């Protein structure tokens, strides 16, 4: 007898419907799975057999063929255990066919018939909604995650017996509902008020956060680079619902969602160690998963000790910095993950860290300094909009106990600048732009109007600093953000001057 159960395969940050077809016929007792299934799915044969038997149901001693359609899409993971088991039971008339057709089903089976947590449950629920299904049957541990999707019943189940009783109409399962709340004033423990001095660095970080610009902090050890960077989330605007769902989808695929926090409501702050591999930073592996650049989507990626990262690892940052996404190609498929993040990098000016220090003397020779700086290529630097020096604090600044400006006040100004950008880019022929840093040449030409004085000053700066075409465009975008913070429609000379000074360290250090 033939039975069909609908499930889904997670590809990238989307789920594709997969029809699980079960055919049971006379012949030697065998069980074969076809349809481009990976090792984890092939191993599901034993999990399904034991799960059905240990739940006190009948497993057919016949020839069982399972097809996962469409056959040209690679399927991975144990997500198909539950639909395969229910398909076998439907083909042997242990559960009714009709009710199965109303739901999309996903879950991993244990040998005892318990249903274990899967990755990508949120994507599976979204897929069920898009297909117009009545609901989705998923593991109990994934219930809160999937229930943020409106318009689809989320049935959370603990074991195979519960699912079968529901399909036989012996019990009812109350659909899970999740009330989505995103706080506009999320609390962050680190605050800019804790940082003494460094007012020019705080200003640069404010500009970077307001426009979503990448920033590089250069200074000796102990000058406060890491302390300043760790406080960036406290001044970033709160995630809106669309952004929160985008981030949650990435974390769902990565299997990093907490069971009691179904929706990521705070902007990510990722801080990978400098020994990270290509796959760890960009994503990939034998079973591709999102890397740090995707886990930082709509948030901040902080790379401390920037030149200590492998040169090859740094070079792969160029695509996500430019395009806001990363593509991982494999022989069987090509996956794309979102990667729109604000890069904050920190580095010493030399290997010992004291080049230009007012107190400690540098012990590095010129060749050593050049080799250290040469790890960061020109094309990568061009993609970092703001370069700012973080000097060592004087003893007077260290002793002074006056608190700096609170993060909440800075966040308020940044929120106003972001609102200006939101209104500016609304309805751009379907182009999704939220911040000035994401403007392309077309938008920059349209929205970055300069006064005559500002235009003359910018031309002189190009000659003096030898800015590349990409660096020039980024200076223009930063100037646009500075003007937004000043609530000015047209970019004037003071806005350009401040933007240019954030590139003036190119020659001094790099």
Protein backbone atom coordinates (compact mmCIF):
# COMPACT_ATOMS: atom_id res chain seq x y z
CA UNK A 1 0.00 0.00 0.00
CA UNK A 2 1.16 3.56 -0.71
CA UNK A 3 1.09 6.47 1.78
CA UNK A 4 2.26 10.07 1.56
CA UNK A 5 3.31 12.46 4.35
CA UNK A 6 4.45 16.04 3.88
CA UNK A 7 7.62 17.26 5.57
CA UNK A 8 10.28 19.88 4.84
CA UNK A 9 14.02 20.15 4.22
CA UNK A 10 15.96 23.17 5.49
CA UNK A 11 18.11 24.71 2.76
CA UNK A 12 19.99 27.83 3.78
CA UNK A 13 17.53 29.86 5.86
CA UNK A 14 14.45 28.57 4.05
CA UNK A 15 12.52 25.32 4.19
CA UNK A 16 11.48 23.44 1.05
CA UNK A 17 8.51 21.01 1.13
CA UNK A 18 9.45 17.34 0.83
CA UNK A 19 6.91 14.62 0.16
CA UNK A 20 7.68 11.39 2.01
CA UNK A 21 6.26 8.50 -0.06
CA UNK A 22 5.99 5.05 1.52
CA UNK A 23 5.42 1.91 -0.50
CA UNK A 24 4.99 -1.46 1.25
CA UNK A 25 4.93 -4.59 -0.90
CA UNK A 26 5.52 -8.32 -0.69
CA UNK A 27 9.11 -9.44 -0.57
CA UNK A 28 12.02 -9.90 1.79
CA UNK A 29 11.81 -7.71 4.93
CA UNK A 30 13.95 -4.76 3.84
CA UNK A 31 13.79 -1.00 4.20
CA UNK A 32 15.31 1.30 1.57
CA UNK A 33 15.39 5.11 1.48
CA UNK A 34 15.87 6.89 -1.85
CA UNK A 35 15.77 10.55 -2.84
CA UNK A 36 19.29 11.92 -2.21
CA UNK A 37 19.29 11.28 1.55
CA UNK A 38 22.42 11.78 3.67
CA UNK A 39 23.85 9.38 6.26
CA UNK A 40 21.70 10.67 9.14
CA UNK A 41 18.55 9.91 7.12
CA UNK A 42 19.82 6.48 6.08
CA UNK A 43 20.39 5.70 9.77
CA UNK A 44 16.78 6.65 10.49
CA UNK A 45 15.75 3.17 9.34
CA UNK A 46 16.89 1.72 12.66
CA UNK A 47 15.46 4.59 14.71
CA UNK A 48 12.08 4.27 12.98
CA UNK A 49 11.99 0.48 13.29
CA UNK A 50 12.80 0.56 17.02
CA UNK A 51 10.60 3.61 17.69
CA UNK A 52 7.53 1.95 16.18
CA UNK A 53 8.14 -1.40 17.86
CA UNK A 54 8.95 0.04 21.29
CA UNK A 55 5.81 2.18 21.13
CA UNK A 56 3.88 -1.12 20.84
CA UNK A 57 2.85 -0.65 17.21
CA UNK A 58 3.36 -3.10 14.39
CA UNK A 59 6.32 -2.77 12.05
CA UNK A 60 5.65 -4.55 8.73
CA UNK A 61 7.82 -7.56 7.90
CA UNK A 62 7.70 -6.72 4.20
CA UNK A 63 9.63 -4.75 1.60
CA UNK A 64 9.46 -1.04 2.51
CA UNK A 65 10.59 1.64 0.04
CA UNK A 66 10.73 5.28 1.13
CA UNK A 67 11.10 8.08 -1.42
CA UNK A 68 11.90 11.65 -0.45
CA UNK A 69 10.63 13.82 -3.28
CA UNK A 70 11.81 15.86 -5.09
CA UNK A 71 14.76 13.57 -5.60
CA UNK A 72 17.14 16.26 -6.89
CA UNK A 73 17.33 18.14 -3.55
CA UNK A 74 19.78 16.84 -0.97
CA UNK A 75 18.13 16.05 2.37
CA UNK A 76 20.05 16.19 5.63
CA UNK A 77 19.52 15.43 9.29
CA UNK A 78 17.06 13.32 11.31
CA UNK A 79 14.07 15.63 10.70
CA UNK A 80 12.33 12.96 8.55
CA UNK A 81 12.16 10.25 11.27
CA UNK A 82 8.64 11.15 12.41
CA UNK A 83 7.06 11.53 8.94
CA UNK A 84 8.64 8.23 7.83
CA UNK A 85 7.27 6.44 10.90
CA UNK A 86 3.77 7.88 10.42
CA UNK A 87 3.91 7.09 6.70
CA UNK A 88 4.69 3.46 7.45
CA UNK A 89 1.85 3.29 9.96
CA UNK A 90 -0.53 4.95 7.48
CA UNK A 91 0.48 2.46 4.77
CA UNK A 92 -0.27 -0.39 7.17
CA UNK A 93 -3.59 1.26 8.15
CA UNK A 94 -2.61 1.85 11.76
CA UNK A 95 -3.39 5.57 11.42
CA UNK A 96 -5.89 7.26 9.06
CA UNK A 97 -4.59 8.88 5.86
CA UNK A 98 -6.99 11.81 5.77
CA UNK A 99 -5.85 13.73 8.83
CA UNK A 100 -2.19 13.39 7.88
CA UNK A 101 -2.76 15.52 4.78
CA UNK A 102 -3.68 18.57 6.87
CA UNK A 103 -0.28 18.86 8.54
CA UNK A 104 3.39 19.27 7.75
CA UNK A 105 5.35 16.92 10.02
CA UNK A 106 8.95 16.98 11.26
CA UNK A 107 10.81 15.40 14.15
CA UNK A 108 13.58 13.05 15.25
CA UNK A 109 12.68 9.74 16.87
CA UNK A 110 14.48 8.06 19.73
CA UNK A 111 14.61 4.28 19.99
CA UNK A 112 11.86 4.44 22.61
CA UNK A 113 9.52 6.48 20.41
CA UNK A 114 10.18 9.84 22.06
CA UNK A 115 10.37 12.83 19.71
CA UNK A 116 13.51 14.90 19.99
CA UNK A 117 14.31 18.54 19.19
CA UNK A 118 15.27 19.47 15.62
CA UNK A 119 16.98 22.49 14.07
CA UNK A 120 15.06 24.85 11.80
CA UNK A 121 11.61 24.35 13.35
CA UNK A 122 10.76 28.01 12.74
CA UNK A 123 11.49 27.58 9.04
CA UNK A 124 9.33 24.43 8.94
CA UNK A 125 6.39 26.34 10.46
CA UNK A 126 6.84 29.16 7.93
CA UNK A 127 6.86 26.57 5.12
CA UNK A 128 3.59 25.06 6.41
CA UNK A 129 1.98 28.49 6.43
CA UNK A 130 3.14 29.24 2.89
CA UNK A 131 1.70 25.91 1.70
CA UNK A 132 -1.67 26.71 3.26
CA UNK A 133 -1.56 23.74 5.64
CA UNK A 134 -3.76 23.68 8.71
CA UNK A 135 -0.81 23.15 11.01
CA UNK A 136 2.58 21.65 11.73
CA UNK A 137 3.47 18.71 13.99
CA UNK A 138 6.85 19.22 15.63
CA UNK A 139 8.75 18.15 18.78
CA UNK A 140 7.63 19.60 22.09
CA UNK A 141 11.03 21.25 22.65
CA UNK A 142 10.57 23.30 19.45
CA UNK A 143 7.07 24.51 20.32
CA UNK A 144 7.86 28.05 21.49
CA UNK A 145 10.15 28.63 18.52
CA UNK A 146 7.62 27.60 15.88
CA UNK A 147 4.64 29.22 17.59
CA UNK A 148 5.76 32.76 16.71
CA UNK A 149 4.40 32.09 13.19
CA UNK A 150 0.84 33.36 12.91
CA UNK A 151 -1.84 31.62 10.84
CA UNK A 152 -0.75 28.03 11.39
CA UNK A 153 -1.54 25.59 14.24
CA UNK A 154 1.61 24.40 16.00
CA UNK A 155 1.03 20.96 17.52
CA UNK A 156 3.82 20.10 19.95
CA UNK A 157 4.22 16.37 20.59
CA UNK A 158 6.37 14.43 23.05
CA UNK A 159 6.27 10.90 21.63
CA UNK A 160 4.92 8.70 18.84
CA UNK A 161 2.00 7.44 20.93
CA UNK A 162 0.69 10.98 21.39
CA UNK A 163 0.79 11.67 17.64
CA UNK A 164 -0.98 8.41 16.82
CA UNK A 165 -3.70 9.02 19.42
CA UNK A 166 -4.25 12.49 17.95
CA UNK A 167 -4.54 11.13 14.41
CA UNK A 168 -6.98 8.48 15.65
CA UNK A 169 -9.07 11.26 17.27
CA UNK A 170 -8.55 9.76 20.73
CA UNK A 171 -7.06 12.97 22.11
CA UNK A 172 -6.89 16.61 21.11
CA UNK A 173 -3.75 18.76 21.12
CA UNK A 174 -4.11 22.45 21.90
CA UNK A 175 -2.15 24.51 19.35
CA UNK A 176 0.72 26.50 20.82
CA UNK A 177 0.45 30.28 20.76
CA UNK A 178 3.25 32.72 21.42
CA UNK A 179 2.78 36.39 22.13
CA UNK A 180 5.57 38.37 20.47
CA UNK A 181 6.91 41.31 22.43
CA UNK A 182 9.96 43.34 21.45
CA UNK A 183 11.09 45.83 24.05
CA UNK A 184 12.02 49.23 22.70
CA UNK A 185 14.32 49.81 25.64
CA UNK A 186 16.27 46.61 26.09
CA UNK A 187 18.61 46.69 29.09
CA UNK A 188 22.34 46.29 28.50
CA UNK A 189 24.67 45.96 31.45
CA UNK A 190 27.70 47.73 29.85
CA UNK A 191 27.06 51.46 29.41
CA UNK A 192 29.09 54.20 27.74
CA UNK A 193 28.83 56.15 30.98
CA UNK A 194 31.45 53.75 32.38
CA UNK A 195 34.05 54.83 29.81
CA UNK A 196 36.36 57.63 30.89
CA UNK A 197 37.62 60.05 28.26
CA UNK A 198 37.86 58.93 24.60
CA UNK A 199 35.14 61.38 23.58
CA UNK A 200 36.27 61.40 19.93
CA UNK A 201 36.05 57.58 19.83
CA UNK A 202 32.55 57.64 21.32
CA UNK A 203 31.58 60.14 18.63
CA UNK A 204 32.99 57.87 15.91
CA UNK A 205 31.06 54.90 17.33
CA UNK A 206 27.90 57.00 17.41
CA UNK A 207 28.34 57.86 13.72
CA UNK A 208 29.08 54.21 12.91
CA UNK A 209 26.00 52.96 14.77
CA UNK A 210 23.75 55.63 13.25
CA UNK A 211 24.62 54.68 9.68
CA UNK A 212 25.53 51.02 10.13
CA UNK A 213 29.14 51.77 9.13
CA UNK A 214 32.10 49.46 9.68
CA UNK A 215 34.73 50.84 12.07
CA UNK A 216 38.37 50.08 12.91
CA UNK A 217 39.80 51.04 16.32
CA UNK A 218 43.60 51.44 16.43
CA UNK A 219 45.49 51.93 19.69
CA UNK A 220 47.91 50.48 22.26
CA UNK A 221 46.95 47.73 24.72
CA UNK A 222 44.82 48.97 27.59
CA UNK A 223 43.49 52.02 25.79
CA UNK A 224 39.91 50.75 25.99
CA UNK A 225 39.24 49.38 22.49
CA UNK A 226 37.48 46.22 23.69
CA UNK A 227 35.61 48.10 26.41
CA UNK A 228 34.26 50.58 23.87
CA UNK A 229 33.34 47.90 21.33
CA UNK A 230 31.44 45.82 23.89
CA UNK A 231 29.15 48.79 24.51
CA UNK A 232 28.03 49.20 20.91
CA UNK A 233 24.86 47.07 21.40
CA UNK A 234 23.73 49.50 24.12
CA UNK A 235 23.38 52.33 21.57
CA UNK A 236 21.96 50.39 18.61
CA UNK A 237 18.22 50.77 17.86
CA UNK A 238 16.03 47.86 18.94
CA UNK A 239 15.24 45.19 16.38
CA UNK A 240 11.93 45.56 14.59
CA UNK A 241 9.77 42.46 14.09
CA UNK A 242 11.02 41.71 10.55
CA UNK A 243 14.65 42.01 11.63
CA UNK A 244 14.02 39.84 14.71
CA UNK A 245 12.48 37.07 12.60
CA UNK A 246 15.42 37.21 10.14
CA UNK A 247 17.90 36.78 13.00
CA UNK A 248 15.79 34.06 14.62
CA UNK A 249 15.74 32.08 11.37
CA UNK A 250 19.54 32.06 11.30
CA UNK A 251 19.79 30.95 14.92
CA UNK A 252 17.11 28.31 14.33
CA UNK A 253 19.10 26.78 11.47
CA UNK A 254 22.24 26.88 13.62
CA UNK A 255 20.40 25.15 16.48
CA UNK A 256 21.25 28.00 18.88
CA UNK A 257 17.78 29.11 19.95
CA UNK A 258 16.98 28.76 23.64
CA UNK A 259 13.83 26.79 24.38
CA UNK A 260 12.46 29.59 26.59
CA UNK A 261 13.37 32.40 24.16
CA UNK A 262 11.70 31.63 20.82
CA UNK A 263 12.49 35.01 19.26
CA UNK A 264 15.84 36.80 19.21
CA UNK A 265 14.89 40.31 20.34
CA UNK A 266 18.33 41.81 21.02
CA UNK A 267 20.80 42.65 18.27
CA UNK A 268 23.55 40.00 18.13
CA UNK A 269 27.08 40.80 19.26
CA UNK A 270 29.50 38.13 18.06
CA UNK A 271 33.14 38.08 19.17
CA UNK A 272 35.01 35.14 17.56
CA UNK A 273 38.59 34.31 18.58
CA UNK A 274 41.36 35.10 16.11
CA UNK A 275 42.09 31.38 15.64
CA UNK A 276 38.71 30.85 13.94
CA UNK A 277 38.66 28.93 10.64
CA UNK A 278 37.11 29.91 7.31
CA UNK A 279 34.09 27.70 7.97
CA UNK A 280 33.66 29.07 11.48
CA UNK A 281 33.63 32.67 10.28
CA UNK A 282 31.79 32.39 6.95
CA UNK A 283 29.90 29.13 7.46
CA UNK A 284 30.14 25.75 5.82
CA UNK A 285 31.30 22.31 6.87
CA UNK A 286 30.25 18.88 5.62
CA UNK A 287 26.73 19.81 6.71
CA UNK A 288 26.74 23.58 6.02
CA UNK A 289 25.77 25.79 8.91
CA UNK A 290 25.79 29.58 9.34
CA UNK A 291 29.10 31.10 10.42
CA UNK A 292 29.83 34.06 12.68
CA UNK A 293 29.10 36.61 9.94
CA UNK A 294 25.55 35.26 9.65
CA UNK A 295 25.10 34.88 13.41
CA UNK A 296 25.94 38.61 13.57
CA UNK A 297 23.21 39.45 11.02
CA UNK A 298 21.46 42.73 11.96
CA UNK A 299 23.99 43.13 14.77
CA UNK A 300 27.71 43.57 15.40
CA UNK A 301 30.70 41.39 14.49
CA UNK A 302 33.66 42.34 16.71
CA UNK A 303 37.09 41.14 15.60
CA UNK A 304 39.65 41.90 18.30
CA UNK A 305 43.36 41.68 17.44
CA UNK A 306 42.39 42.14 13.78
CA UNK A 307 45.81 41.38 12.18
CA UNK A 308 46.14 38.17 14.21
CA UNK A 309 43.35 36.55 12.18
CA UNK A 310 44.56 34.41 9.31
CA UNK A 311 45.02 36.48 6.17
CA UNK A 312 42.88 34.02 4.22
CA UNK A 313 40.11 34.28 6.82
CA UNK A 314 40.14 38.08 6.58
CA UNK A 315 39.90 37.99 2.79
CA UNK A 316 36.67 35.99 2.85
CA UNK A 317 35.08 38.91 4.71
CA UNK A 318 35.04 40.92 1.51
CA UNK A 319 31.88 39.38 0.02
CA UNK A 320 29.65 39.74 3.10
CA UNK A 321 30.93 43.27 3.77
CA UNK A 322 30.08 44.31 0.21
CA UNK A 323 26.92 42.32 -0.49
CA UNK A 324 25.39 41.65 2.93
CA UNK A 325 25.22 37.92 2.31
CA UNK A 326 27.52 34.93 2.01
CA UNK A 327 27.26 32.09 -0.49
CA UNK A 328 28.60 28.62 0.32
CA UNK A 329 29.03 26.39 -2.72
CA UNK A 330 29.17 22.62 -2.54
CA UNK A 331 29.01 19.96 -5.22
CA UNK A 332 25.43 19.12 -4.31
CA UNK A 333 24.08 22.63 -3.66
CA UNK A 334 24.80 26.31 -3.19
CA UNK A 335 23.50 27.92 0.01
CA UNK A 336 23.12 31.63 0.76
CA UNK A 337 22.96 33.04 4.29
CA UNK A 338 22.26 36.69 5.20
CA UNK A 339 25.20 38.65 6.64
CA UNK A 340 24.25 42.30 7.07
CA UNK A 341 26.30 43.23 10.09
CA UNK A 342 28.27 46.16 11.43
CA UNK A 343 31.95 45.21 11.59
CA UNK A 344 33.94 46.58 14.51
CA UNK A 345 37.63 45.64 14.37
CA UNK A 346 40.36 46.51 16.86
CA UNK A 347 44.11 46.34 16.45
CA UNK A 348 47.40 47.53 17.89
CA UNK A 349 49.48 49.92 15.76
CA UNK A 350 52.38 47.43 15.77
CA UNK A 351 53.22 43.94 17.11
CA UNK A 352 54.34 45.23 20.53
CA UNK A 353 51.43 47.67 20.54
CA UNK A 354 53.31 50.83 21.53
CA UNK A 355 54.08 52.58 18.24
CA UNK A 356 53.20 56.26 18.81
CA UNK A 357 52.51 55.65 22.51
CA UNK A 358 53.21 58.66 24.73
CA UNK A 359 54.47 56.52 27.62
CA UNK A 360 55.98 53.23 26.44
CA UNK A 361 58.55 53.01 23.66
CA UNK A 362 58.00 50.78 20.62
CA UNK A 363 60.59 47.98 20.20
CA UNK A 364 59.51 46.86 16.70
CA UNK A 365 61.72 47.41 13.67
CA UNK A 366 60.14 48.90 10.50
CA UNK A 367 60.10 45.54 8.67
CA UNK A 368 58.24 43.89 11.54
CA UNK A 369 55.70 46.73 11.67
CA UNK A 370 55.14 46.59 7.91
CA UNK A 371 54.62 42.82 7.95
CA UNK A 372 52.13 43.17 10.81
CA UNK A 373 50.08 45.81 9.01
CA UNK A 374 50.37 44.03 5.67
CA UNK A 375 48.06 41.26 6.94
CA UNK A 376 45.16 43.64 6.31
CA UNK A 377 44.79 44.17 2.57
CA UNK A 378 43.90 47.46 0.91
CA UNK A 379 40.61 46.16 -0.54
CA UNK A 380 39.52 45.03 2.94
CA UNK A 381 40.45 48.38 4.48
CA UNK A 382 38.48 50.19 1.78
CA UNK A 383 35.39 48.37 3.03
CA UNK A 384 35.86 49.76 6.56
CA UNK A 385 34.27 53.20 6.56
CA UNK A 386 35.73 54.66 9.76
CA UNK A 387 39.29 54.38 11.07
CA UNK A 388 39.84 56.00 14.48
CA UNK A 389 42.78 56.21 16.85
CA UNK A 390 42.26 55.16 20.48
CA UNK A 391 45.17 56.66 22.48
CA UNK A 392 46.23 55.71 25.97
CA UNK A 393 44.43 57.78 28.62
CA UNK A 394 46.40 60.31 30.61
CA UNK A 395 46.64 59.97 34.38
CA UNK A 396 44.31 62.93 34.74
CA UNK A 397 41.65 61.21 32.62
CA UNK A 398 42.05 57.96 34.57
CA UNK A 399 41.70 59.63 37.95
CA UNK A 400 38.77 61.82 36.92
CA UNK A 401 35.56 60.24 38.23
CA UNK A 402 33.04 62.18 36.14
CA UNK A 403 30.71 59.81 34.32
CA UNK A 404 30.44 60.08 30.56
CA UNK A 405 27.25 60.37 28.54
CA UNK A 406 24.82 57.52 29.08
CA UNK A 407 24.14 54.99 26.33
CA UNK A 408 20.42 55.77 26.46
CA UNK A 409 21.07 59.38 25.41
CA UNK A 410 23.32 58.34 22.55
CA UNK A 411 20.79 55.70 21.48
CA UNK A 412 18.08 58.34 21.33
CA UNK A 413 20.07 60.44 18.83
CA UNK A 414 20.91 57.36 16.79
CA UNK A 415 17.25 56.37 16.72
CA UNK A 416 16.32 59.78 15.30
CA UNK A 417 18.98 59.45 12.58
CA UNK A 418 17.78 55.94 11.73
CA UNK A 419 14.21 57.23 11.42
CA UNK A 420 15.42 59.81 8.91
CA UNK A 421 17.10 57.07 6.89
CA UNK A 422 14.02 54.85 7.08
CA UNK A 423 11.84 57.59 5.61
CA UNK A 424 14.45 58.39 2.98
CA UNK A 425 14.76 54.85 1.62
CA UNK A 426 11.10 53.86 1.93
CA UNK A 427 9.65 52.53 -1.33
CA UNK A 428 12.82 52.40 -3.42
CA UNK A 429 11.40 50.06 -6.09
CA UNK A 430 11.56 47.08 -3.75
CA UNK A 431 15.21 47.70 -2.83
CA UNK A 432 15.77 46.87 0.82
CA UNK A 433 17.97 49.60 2.34
CA UNK A 434 17.77 50.45 6.03
CA UNK A 435 20.96 52.44 6.68
CA UNK A 436 23.25 54.80 4.80
CA UNK A 437 26.05 52.22 4.70
CA UNK A 438 23.91 50.01 2.44
CA UNK A 439 23.42 52.69 -0.22
CA UNK A 440 24.70 51.80 -3.68
CA UNK A 441 26.08 54.27 -6.19
CA UNK A 442 22.60 55.09 -7.48
CA UNK A 443 21.24 55.96 -4.04
CA UNK A 444 24.41 57.81 -3.03
CA UNK A 445 24.11 60.04 -6.08
CA UNK A 446 20.46 60.73 -5.34
CA UNK A 447 20.61 61.32 -1.58
CA UNK A 448 24.10 62.71 -0.91
CA UNK A 449 23.68 66.30 -2.07
CA UNK A 450 26.70 68.53 -1.28
CA UNK A 451 27.00 72.27 -0.87
CA UNK A 452 29.54 74.00 -3.10
CA UNK A 453 32.03 74.37 -0.24
CA UNK A 454 31.66 70.72 0.72
CA UNK A 455 32.24 69.62 -2.88
CA UNK A 456 35.45 71.67 -3.17
CA UNK A 457 36.72 70.33 0.17
CA UNK A 458 36.00 66.73 -0.85
CA UNK A 459 37.86 67.12 -4.14
CA UNK A 460 40.91 68.46 -2.30
CA UNK A 461 40.73 65.54 0.16
CA UNK A 462 40.70 62.98 -2.65
CA UNK A 463 43.96 64.42 -4.00
CA UNK A 464 45.59 64.68 -0.58
CA UNK A 465 44.67 61.23 0.72
CA UNK A 466 44.66 59.39 -2.60
CA UNK A 467 41.26 57.88 -1.92
CA UNK A 468 40.12 55.00 -4.11
CA UNK A 469 36.71 55.06 -5.75
CA UNK A 470 35.31 52.80 -3.04
CA UNK A 471 36.88 54.88 -0.23
CA UNK A 472 35.44 58.07 -1.78
CA UNK A 473 31.97 56.55 -1.85
CA UNK A 474 32.25 55.49 1.78
CA UNK A 475 33.38 58.96 2.85
CA UNK A 476 30.26 60.29 1.16
CA UNK A 477 28.03 57.83 3.02
CA UNK A 478 29.63 58.67 6.38
CA UNK A 479 29.15 62.39 5.66
CA UNK A 480 25.48 61.66 4.93
CA UNK A 481 25.15 59.99 8.35
CA UNK A 482 26.87 62.89 10.12
CA UNK A 483 24.45 65.30 8.42
CA UNK A 484 21.53 63.11 9.53
CA UNK A 485 22.74 63.28 13.14
CA UNK A 486 22.89 67.07 12.76
CA UNK A 487 19.38 67.02 11.25
CA UNK A 488 20.62 68.60 8.01
CA UNK A 489 19.16 67.72 4.60
CA UNK A 490 22.21 68.86 2.58
CA UNK A 491 25.76 67.74 3.39
CA UNK A 492 27.94 70.73 4.31
CA UNK A 493 31.70 71.16 4.64
CA UNK A 494 31.81 70.34 8.39
CA UNK A 495 30.11 67.00 7.74
CA UNK A 496 32.58 66.13 4.98
CA UNK A 497 35.53 67.28 7.10
CA UNK A 498 34.56 64.94 9.94
CA UNK A 499 34.01 62.06 7.51
CA UNK A 500 37.41 62.65 5.88
CA UNK A 501 39.24 62.67 9.20
CA UNK A 502 37.99 59.12 9.76
CA UNK A 503 40.12 58.09 6.74
CA UNK A 504 43.17 60.15 7.65
CA UNK A 505 44.73 57.24 9.58
CA UNK A 506 45.14 55.29 6.30
CA UNK A 507 48.57 56.79 5.70
CA UNK A 508 49.67 57.13 9.32
CA UNK A 509 49.11 53.50 10.30
CA UNK A 510 48.22 51.46 7.26
